[in-house]
Amino acid sequence: MRTKRKNRNPHLTGVVMDLAHVVLCGGIVVCAVMIFLNPVFYQRLFPVVFALASLIQFLHGVPKLAGYRHSHGAEGGLLAAGLVLCVLGAVLAALAVISAVTVW
């Protein structure tokens, strides 16, 4: 017996992704400008920039991995792209932790 998939608006996912990108990238830009103006005073924002960049990478990578799972391997590039983006997100998350430990 097959379960019915809910009818979801395909544009809703795109809107949510766009809003998340705007918010995260806006946060990175604001933090970067503050760090540029006074790096010594705002040095605690470095981990925040790395953490936000990590979230963006995971935001790109996880849907690609989910798309690969649903396509049953029809598109081999999705798996590689999703894995690369998730690995880059993990590297940025590690940089955020290392930066937080060294700054605080």
Protein backbone atom coordinates (compact mmCIF):
# COMPACT_ATOMS: atom_id res chain seq x y z
CA MET A 1 0.00 0.00 0.00
CA ARG A 2 1.43 3.33 -1.01
CA THR A 3 1.02 6.38 1.11
CA LYS A 4 -0.17 9.57 -0.46
CA ARG A 5 2.19 12.48 -0.52
CA LYS A 6 0.80 15.74 0.68
CA ASN A 7 0.23 18.34 -1.98
CA ARG A 8 2.78 20.98 -1.15
CA ASN A 9 3.38 24.19 -2.95
CA PRO A 10 6.75 23.72 -4.75
CA HIS A 11 7.39 27.45 -4.64
CA LEU A 12 7.15 27.54 -0.83
CA THR A 13 10.46 25.74 -0.44
CA GLY A 14 12.13 28.24 -2.75
CA VAL A 15 10.69 31.17 -0.83
CA VAL A 16 11.87 29.74 2.50
CA MET A 17 15.35 29.11 1.06
CA ASP A 18 15.51 32.65 -0.33
CA LEU A 19 14.45 34.18 2.98
CA ALA A 20 17.00 32.09 4.86
CA HIS A 21 19.72 33.22 2.44
CA VAL A 22 18.78 36.86 2.84
CA VAL A 23 18.82 36.66 6.62
CA LEU A 24 22.04 34.65 6.89
CA CYS A 25 23.93 36.64 4.26
CA GLY A 26 22.71 39.90 5.78
CA GLY A 27 24.05 38.76 9.14
CA ILE A 28 27.41 37.89 7.59
CA VAL A 29 27.64 41.28 5.86
CA VAL A 30 26.74 43.21 9.01
CA CYS A 31 29.26 41.24 11.09
CA ALA A 32 31.96 41.61 8.42
CA VAL A 33 31.49 45.38 8.23
CA MET A 34 31.67 45.69 12.01
CA ILE A 35 34.82 43.54 12.10
CA PHE A 36 36.36 45.63 9.32
CA LEU A 37 35.68 48.89 11.14
CA ASN A 38 37.21 47.79 14.46
CA PRO A 39 38.74 44.28 14.43
CA VAL A 40 40.02 44.37 18.00
CA PHE A 41 36.73 45.44 19.55
CA TYR A 42 34.57 43.11 17.44
CA GLN A 43 36.86 40.08 17.41
CA ARG A 44 34.12 38.03 19.03
CA LEU A 45 32.13 38.23 15.81
CA PHE A 46 34.58 36.01 13.90
CA PRO A 47 32.98 32.77 15.18
CA VAL A 48 29.57 34.17 14.29
CA VAL A 49 30.65 34.77 10.69
CA PHE A 50 32.01 31.22 10.41
CA ALA A 51 28.88 29.75 12.00
CA LEU A 52 26.56 31.64 9.64
CA ALA A 53 28.65 30.56 6.65
CA SER A 54 28.43 26.98 7.90
CA LEU A 55 24.65 27.22 8.10
CA ILE A 56 24.51 28.48 4.53
CA GLN A 57 26.60 25.54 3.32
CA PHE A 58 24.37 23.05 5.13
CA LEU A 59 21.32 24.88 3.77
CA HIS A 60 22.63 24.19 0.26
CA GLY A 61 23.92 20.67 0.88
CA VAL A 62 21.10 18.94 2.73
CA PRO A 63 18.43 19.46 0.02
CA LYS A 64 20.84 18.10 -2.59
CA LEU A 65 21.34 14.97 -0.50
CA ALA A 66 17.57 14.66 -0.01
CA GLY A 67 17.06 15.12 -3.77
CA TYR A 68 19.55 12.34 -4.46
CA ARG A 69 17.71 10.04 -2.09
CA HIS A 70 14.36 10.73 -3.77
CA SER A 71 15.73 10.38 -7.31
CA HIS A 72 17.18 6.93 -6.50
CA GLY A 73 20.52 7.74 -8.02
CA ALA A 74 19.19 9.12 -11.29
CA GLU A 75 21.35 12.18 -10.89
CA GLY A 76 24.80 11.18 -9.66
CA GLY A 77 25.96 14.78 -9.40
CA LEU A 78 23.54 15.52 -6.59
CA LEU A 79 25.25 13.13 -4.21
CA ALA A 80 28.72 14.52 -4.90
CA ALA A 81 27.56 18.13 -4.67
CA GLY A 82 25.63 17.49 -1.47
CA LEU A 83 28.55 15.72 0.14
CA VAL A 84 31.01 18.45 -0.83
CA LEU A 85 28.73 21.16 0.53
CA CYS A 86 28.14 19.28 3.78
CA VAL A 87 31.89 18.67 4.22
CA LEU A 88 32.55 22.39 3.64
CA GLY A 89 29.84 23.18 6.17
CA ALA A 90 31.50 20.87 8.69
CA VAL A 91 34.89 22.54 8.07
CA LEU A 92 33.35 25.97 8.61
CA ALA A 93 31.62 24.75 11.77
CA ALA A 94 34.97 23.46 13.04
CA LEU A 95 36.54 26.83 12.23
CA ALA A 96 33.74 28.53 14.16
CA VAL A 97 34.44 26.35 17.21
CA ILE A 98 38.21 26.86 16.98
CA SER A 99 37.72 30.59 16.54
CA ALA A 100 35.34 30.74 19.50
CA VAL A 101 37.78 28.87 21.73
CA THR A 102 40.70 31.11 20.79
CA VAL A 103 38.77 34.38 21.05
CA TRP A 104 36.93 33.71 24.29
